[in-house]
């Protein structure tokens, strides 16, 4: 709809067929978008006949984009993050939006923002080829907010197609990929789907109620960890929950307050890495499982003790 408005602003008149071709859609959709623009108060005029078409009312122009320095920086940073971290969709929307924003900014503001774009670095990179379609992402987000069931066409990692109904509890962006978490009617269970494997979303009339207190992000990270790592770790850390949570990555551990402190649950591929993580905390802890982690902690303690006792003259 916004692209249609931009086309009408840059052309004196365009027929429905011309607009449909430029938008890669059909004439019926063009008429629907024109009606939506009129509902928003934008005067789109239609002329019938051989030389008819659509145009904006004479003298009408959208107001210019006006941003303060802080607002412009916030927009540019958001667009850069979306592009670099893989939060964009299959179309080059971020690059196009960034170019439009920079084009309307005053020159004194355009140069420092261009410098930001060229020099800003990210420690995490996008997972190329894993962006979802714009329609898929928006349809799932709307259904999740409205608590309405959707039908999805999905491809498995083996490229096997299935059609199923899903109650989308939430949309999650994690380590360069988009996911939807919800109840799968086909399997009658809680499932997680990668959005880049969903080819279409169809609204259903049914409504659902998500489990109270359900956290889609926590469920996703827990599910991915269980499917990847070898060791199940449980440790009680004798310290305050808020401070411990600030020190540990929420994507790797789950924390639950108990009578003696905070119960940490995590999956780990290497126990020496978990030993280093626990040793970096300032609070005492009690290990519940696995017993093999005790040996990793003992070996780390021995190496630290040897380092503390080593004289400067020793090799």
Protein backbone atom coordinates (compact mmCIF):
# COMPACT_ATOMS: atom_id res chain seq x y z
CA UNK A 1 0.00 0.00 0.00
CA UNK A 2 2.85 2.41 0.81
CA UNK A 3 4.61 1.50 -2.42
CA UNK A 4 1.39 2.25 -4.28
CA UNK A 5 1.27 5.67 -2.62
CA UNK A 6 4.87 6.34 -3.60
CA UNK A 7 4.11 5.42 -7.23
CA UNK A 8 1.11 7.76 -7.29
CA UNK A 9 3.22 10.59 -5.90
CA UNK A 10 5.86 10.16 -8.60
CA UNK A 11 3.47 9.76 -11.60
CA UNK A 12 0.69 12.01 -12.82
CA UNK A 13 -1.56 9.02 -13.62
CA UNK A 14 -1.23 5.24 -13.70
CA UNK A 15 -3.80 2.67 -14.81
CA UNK A 16 -4.81 -0.22 -12.60
CA UNK A 17 -2.95 -2.61 -14.92
CA UNK A 18 0.24 -0.54 -14.76
CA UNK A 19 0.09 -0.39 -10.98
CA UNK A 20 -0.56 -4.14 -10.75
CA UNK A 21 2.47 -4.85 -12.94
CA UNK A 22 4.76 -2.59 -10.90
CA UNK A 23 3.51 -4.06 -7.61
CA UNK A 24 3.65 -7.64 -8.94
CA UNK A 25 0.01 -8.22 -8.00
CA UNK A 26 -3.45 -8.08 -9.63
CA UNK A 27 -5.89 -5.25 -10.36
CA UNK A 28 -8.27 -6.39 -7.61
CA UNK A 29 -5.52 -5.97 -5.01
CA UNK A 30 -4.73 -2.52 -6.41
CA UNK A 31 -8.37 -1.50 -5.94
CA UNK A 32 -8.29 -2.79 -2.36
CA UNK A 33 -5.12 -0.80 -1.57
CA UNK A 34 -6.66 2.33 -3.11
CA UNK A 35 -9.68 1.89 -0.83
CA UNK A 36 -7.40 1.53 2.17
CA UNK A 37 -5.55 4.74 1.26
CA UNK A 38 -8.86 6.58 0.98
CA UNK A 39 -9.87 5.28 4.44
CA UNK A 40 -6.66 6.85 5.76
CA UNK A 41 -7.73 10.21 4.33
CA UNK A 42 -5.42 10.20 1.29
CA UNK A 43 -7.34 11.56 -1.73
CA UNK A 44 -6.82 9.00 -4.50
CA UNK A 45 -8.92 9.84 -7.55
CA UNK A 46 -10.06 7.29 -10.13
CA UNK A 47 -10.94 8.15 -13.73
CA UNK A 48 -12.79 5.70 -15.96
CA UNK A 49 -12.42 5.24 -19.68
CA UNK A 50 -9.71 4.43 -22.16
CA UNK A 51 -7.30 7.04 -20.77
CA UNK A 52 -8.42 6.69 -17.16
CA UNK A 53 -6.46 5.53 -14.17
CA UNK A 54 -5.52 6.51 -10.65
CA UNK A 55 -3.92 9.69 -9.44
CA UNK A 56 -3.58 11.77 -6.30
CA UNK A 57 -5.76 14.87 -5.99
CA UNK A 58 -4.04 17.90 -7.48
CA UNK A 59 -1.76 19.67 -5.04
CA UNK A 60 -1.68 16.80 -2.54
CA UNK A 61 1.70 15.76 -1.16
CA UNK A 62 2.63 13.60 1.80
CA UNK A 63 4.32 15.69 4.53
CA UNK A 64 8.13 15.42 4.54
CA UNK A 65 9.85 13.10 6.98
CA UNK A 66 11.12 15.18 9.89
CA UNK A 67 13.42 13.56 12.44
CA UNK A 68 15.54 14.98 15.22
CA UNK A 69 19.19 13.91 15.40
CA UNK A 70 18.42 11.37 18.13
CA UNK A 71 15.42 9.98 16.23
CA UNK A 72 17.42 9.67 13.00
CA UNK A 73 20.20 7.83 14.82
CA UNK A 74 17.65 5.45 16.39
CA UNK A 75 16.13 4.68 12.97
CA UNK A 76 19.50 4.12 11.29
CA UNK A 77 20.77 1.89 14.11
CA UNK A 78 17.58 -0.16 13.98
CA UNK A 79 17.86 -0.65 10.22
CA UNK A 80 21.56 -1.54 10.45
CA UNK A 81 20.89 -4.06 13.21
CA UNK A 82 18.08 -5.65 11.19
CA UNK A 83 20.36 -6.02 8.18
CA UNK A 84 23.53 -7.19 9.96
CA UNK A 85 21.86 -9.56 12.43
CA UNK A 86 19.55 -11.18 9.90
CA UNK A 87 16.33 -9.65 11.24
CA UNK A 88 15.29 -8.53 7.77
CA UNK A 89 13.00 -10.39 5.40
CA UNK A 90 13.62 -11.96 2.00
CA UNK A 91 13.26 -8.63 0.18
CA UNK A 92 16.06 -6.02 0.54
CA UNK A 93 13.73 -3.90 2.66
CA UNK A 94 16.33 -2.65 5.14
CA UNK A 95 18.65 -1.32 2.43
CA UNK A 96 15.77 0.42 0.63
CA UNK A 97 14.41 1.98 3.82
CA UNK A 98 17.88 3.16 4.84
CA UNK A 99 18.43 4.78 1.45
CA UNK A 100 15.07 6.60 1.67
CA UNK A 101 15.78 7.89 5.18
CA UNK A 102 19.24 9.15 4.22
CA UNK A 103 17.85 10.82 1.08
CA UNK A 104 15.49 13.07 3.03
CA UNK A 105 17.88 13.99 5.84
CA UNK A 106 19.71 17.32 5.84
CA UNK A 107 23.32 17.11 4.69
CA UNK A 108 24.94 17.91 8.09
CA UNK A 109 23.13 14.91 9.58
CA UNK A 110 23.54 12.61 6.58
CA UNK A 111 27.35 12.48 6.74
CA UNK A 112 27.77 11.41 10.40
CA UNK A 113 25.06 8.76 9.96
CA UNK A 114 26.83 7.47 6.85
CA UNK A 115 30.00 7.25 8.93
CA UNK A 116 28.10 5.24 11.52
CA UNK A 117 26.86 2.87 8.83
CA UNK A 118 30.34 2.34 7.39
CA UNK A 119 32.23 1.89 10.66
CA UNK A 120 29.76 0.08 12.95
CA UNK A 121 30.72 -3.54 13.66
CA UNK A 122 28.67 -6.40 15.12
CA UNK A 123 30.03 -9.41 17.01
CA UNK A 124 27.14 -11.55 15.71
CA UNK A 125 26.46 -11.94 12.02
CA UNK A 126 23.35 -12.80 10.06
CA UNK A 127 22.60 -16.37 9.04
CA UNK A 128 22.47 -15.92 5.28
CA UNK A 129 19.52 -17.33 3.41
CA UNK A 130 17.41 -17.84 6.54
CA UNK A 131 15.20 -14.74 6.39
CA UNK A 132 11.43 -15.35 6.27
CA UNK A 133 9.06 -13.84 3.75
CA UNK A 134 7.55 -10.52 4.82
CA UNK A 135 4.00 -11.85 4.49
CA UNK A 136 4.80 -14.93 6.59
CA UNK A 137 6.41 -12.91 9.38
CA UNK A 138 3.62 -10.32 9.57
CA UNK A 139 0.82 -12.90 9.34
CA UNK A 140 2.25 -14.96 12.21
CA UNK A 141 2.83 -11.87 14.35
CA UNK A 142 -0.76 -10.71 13.80
CA UNK A 143 -2.18 -14.14 14.56
CA UNK A 144 -0.08 -14.42 17.72
CA UNK A 145 -1.32 -11.06 18.99
CA UNK A 146 -4.96 -11.78 18.06
CA UNK A 147 -4.75 -15.36 19.39
CA UNK A 148 -6.14 -16.86 16.19
CA UNK A 149 -5.20 -20.19 14.64
CA UNK A 150 -3.41 -20.23 11.28
CA UNK A 151 -2.79 -22.83 8.63
CA UNK A 152 0.82 -23.07 7.48
CA UNK A 153 2.57 -24.79 4.60
CA UNK A 154 5.87 -26.04 5.99
CA UNK A 155 8.96 -27.81 4.64
CA UNK A 156 10.97 -30.06 6.96
CA UNK A 157 14.77 -30.09 6.99
CA UNK A 158 14.44 -33.01 4.55
CA UNK A 159 12.34 -30.74 2.25
CA UNK A 160 9.20 -32.78 2.97
CA UNK A 161 6.08 -30.53 2.64
CA UNK A 162 3.21 -30.63 5.15
CA UNK A 163 0.11 -28.54 5.80
CA UNK A 164 -0.94 -28.07 9.40
CA UNK A 165 -2.87 -25.79 11.73
CA UNK A 166 -0.92 -23.99 14.45
CA UNK A 167 -1.81 -21.82 17.44
CA UNK A 168 1.11 -19.32 17.37
CA UNK A 169 2.03 -18.44 20.96
CA UNK A 170 4.86 -16.12 19.95
CA UNK A 171 7.47 -15.08 17.40
CA UNK A 172 11.16 -15.30 18.38
CA UNK A 173 14.36 -14.09 16.71
CA UNK A 174 17.34 -16.17 17.91
CA UNK A 175 20.94 -16.31 16.65
CA UNK A 176 20.16 -15.11 13.13
CA UNK A 177 16.92 -17.03 12.55
CA UNK A 178 13.20 -16.40 13.01
CA UNK A 179 10.98 -18.97 14.75
CA UNK A 180 7.32 -19.35 15.68
CA UNK A 181 6.43 -21.32 18.81
CA UNK A 182 2.95 -22.73 19.30
CA UNK A 183 0.58 -25.68 19.51
CA UNK A 184 0.67 -27.90 16.43
CA UNK A 185 -2.76 -29.43 15.80
CA UNK A 186 -1.31 -32.15 13.56
CA UNK A 187 0.99 -33.51 16.29
CA UNK A 188 -1.20 -32.25 19.18
CA UNK A 189 1.89 -30.92 20.92
CA UNK A 190 3.98 -27.82 21.48
CA UNK A 191 6.28 -27.31 18.51
CA UNK A 192 8.80 -24.84 17.12
CA UNK A 193 8.99 -23.97 13.40
CA UNK A 194 11.69 -22.08 11.54
CA UNK A 195 9.98 -19.33 9.56
CA UNK A 196 12.22 -19.64 6.51
CA UNK A 197 10.70 -23.11 6.04
CA UNK A 198 7.14 -21.77 6.07
CA UNK A 199 5.97 -20.93 2.56
CA UNK A 200 2.47 -19.61 3.31
CA UNK A 201 0.17 -18.66 6.20
CA UNK A 202 -3.64 -18.85 6.01
CA UNK A 203 -5.85 -17.31 8.74
CA UNK A 204 -8.41 -19.58 10.41
CA UNK A 205 -11.61 -18.61 12.21
CA UNK A 206 -10.68 -20.50 15.39
CA UNK A 207 -9.29 -18.72 18.44
CA UNK A 208 -7.02 -20.10 21.17
CA UNK A 209 -5.73 -19.27 24.63
CA UNK A 210 -1.99 -19.51 25.26
CA UNK A 211 -0.82 -21.19 28.49
CA UNK A 212 -0.62 -18.63 31.27
CA UNK A 213 2.91 -17.36 31.84
CA UNK A 214 4.28 -19.15 28.76
CA UNK A 215 7.57 -17.63 27.55
CA UNK A 216 8.19 -18.44 23.84
CA UNK A 217 11.84 -17.30 23.95
CA UNK A 218 12.65 -19.41 27.03
CA UNK A 219 10.94 -22.43 25.49
CA UNK A 220 12.83 -22.02 22.22
CA UNK A 221 16.28 -21.73 23.80
CA UNK A 222 15.55 -24.66 26.11
CA UNK A 223 14.37 -26.81 23.19
CA UNK A 224 17.37 -25.97 21.04
CA UNK A 225 19.77 -26.67 23.90
CA UNK A 226 18.20 -30.04 24.66
CA UNK A 227 18.55 -31.08 21.07
CA UNK A 228 22.19 -30.04 20.73
CA UNK A 229 24.21 -30.54 23.90
CA UNK A 230 25.36 -33.66 25.71
CA UNK A 231 25.32 -32.84 29.43
CA UNK A 232 22.34 -31.86 31.59
CA UNK A 233 23.65 -29.58 34.35
CA UNK A 234 21.85 -28.63 37.58
CA UNK A 235 23.52 -26.39 40.13
CA UNK A 236 22.18 -24.33 43.04
CA UNK A 237 23.91 -20.96 43.19
CA UNK A 238 23.67 -19.39 46.64
CA UNK A 239 23.05 -15.79 45.64
CA UNK A 240 20.32 -13.31 44.57
CA UNK A 241 18.31 -14.16 41.46
CA UNK A 242 18.44 -10.68 39.86
CA UNK A 243 22.22 -10.36 40.08
CA UNK A 244 22.84 -13.92 38.92
CA UNK A 245 20.53 -13.41 35.93
CA UNK A 246 22.55 -10.36 34.86
CA UNK A 247 25.74 -12.43 34.83
CA UNK A 248 24.48 -15.44 32.88
CA UNK A 249 23.17 -15.63 29.28
CA UNK A 250 19.41 -16.22 29.25
CA UNK A 251 19.76 -18.10 25.95
CA UNK A 252 21.95 -20.77 27.60
CA UNK A 253 20.50 -21.30 31.10
CA UNK A 254 17.23 -21.29 32.99
CA UNK A 255 17.15 -19.89 36.52
CA UNK A 256 14.58 -20.65 39.22
CA UNK A 257 14.60 -19.22 42.74
CA UNK A 258 14.45 -21.78 45.56
CA UNK A 259 14.82 -21.84 49.34
CA UNK A 260 18.62 -21.79 49.31
CA UNK A 261 19.37 -19.66 46.27
CA UNK A 262 18.87 -20.09 42.54
CA UNK A 263 18.59 -23.40 40.70
CA UNK A 264 20.50 -23.25 37.41
CA UNK A 265 19.59 -25.70 34.67
CA UNK A 266 21.61 -25.84 31.46
CA UNK A 267 22.88 -28.10 28.71
CA UNK A 268 26.57 -28.24 27.92
CA UNK A 269 28.67 -29.91 25.26
CA UNK A 270 31.93 -29.48 27.24
CA UNK A 271 32.06 -29.65 31.02
CA UNK A 272 35.32 -27.68 31.23
CA UNK A 273 33.48 -24.68 29.79
CA UNK A 274 30.72 -25.03 32.39
CA UNK A 275 33.38 -25.27 35.10
CA UNK A 276 34.88 -21.96 33.93
CA UNK A 277 31.42 -20.36 33.90
CA UNK A 278 30.66 -21.41 37.48
CA UNK A 279 34.13 -20.40 38.69
CA UNK A 280 33.63 -16.91 37.25
CA UNK A 281 30.69 -16.27 39.60
CA UNK A 282 31.23 -14.60 42.95
CA UNK A 283 28.76 -16.80 44.84
CA UNK A 284 29.22 -20.32 46.28
CA UNK A 285 27.30 -23.12 44.60
CA UNK A 286 26.21 -26.73 45.15
CA UNK A 287 26.46 -29.20 42.27
CA UNK A 288 23.54 -31.62 41.75
CA UNK A 289 24.42 -33.16 38.40
CA UNK A 290 26.33 -34.44 36.53
CA UNK A 291 28.99 -35.96 38.76
CA UNK A 292 31.49 -35.64 35.90
CA UNK A 293 31.37 -31.85 36.40
CA UNK A 294 33.01 -32.33 39.83
CA UNK A 295 36.12 -33.68 38.11
CA UNK A 296 36.17 -30.73 35.68
CA UNK A 297 35.91 -28.30 38.63
CA UNK A 298 38.68 -30.14 40.50
CA UNK A 299 41.00 -29.98 37.49
CA UNK A 300 40.29 -26.27 37.01
CA UNK A 301 40.96 -25.61 40.70
CA UNK A 302 44.27 -27.48 40.45
CA UNK A 303 45.35 -25.40 37.45
CA UNK A 304 44.41 -22.16 39.21
CA UNK A 305 46.24 -23.23 42.38
CA UNK A 306 49.35 -24.10 40.38
CA UNK A 307 49.23 -20.74 38.61
CA UNK A 308 48.87 -18.90 41.93
CA UNK A 309 51.87 -20.72 43.44
CA UNK A 310 54.16 -20.43 40.42
CA UNK A 311 57.16 -18.16 40.91
CA UNK A 312 57.96 -15.53 38.26
CA UNK A 313 61.28 -17.28 37.54
CA UNK A 314 59.59 -20.57 36.68
CA UNK A 315 58.84 -21.31 33.02
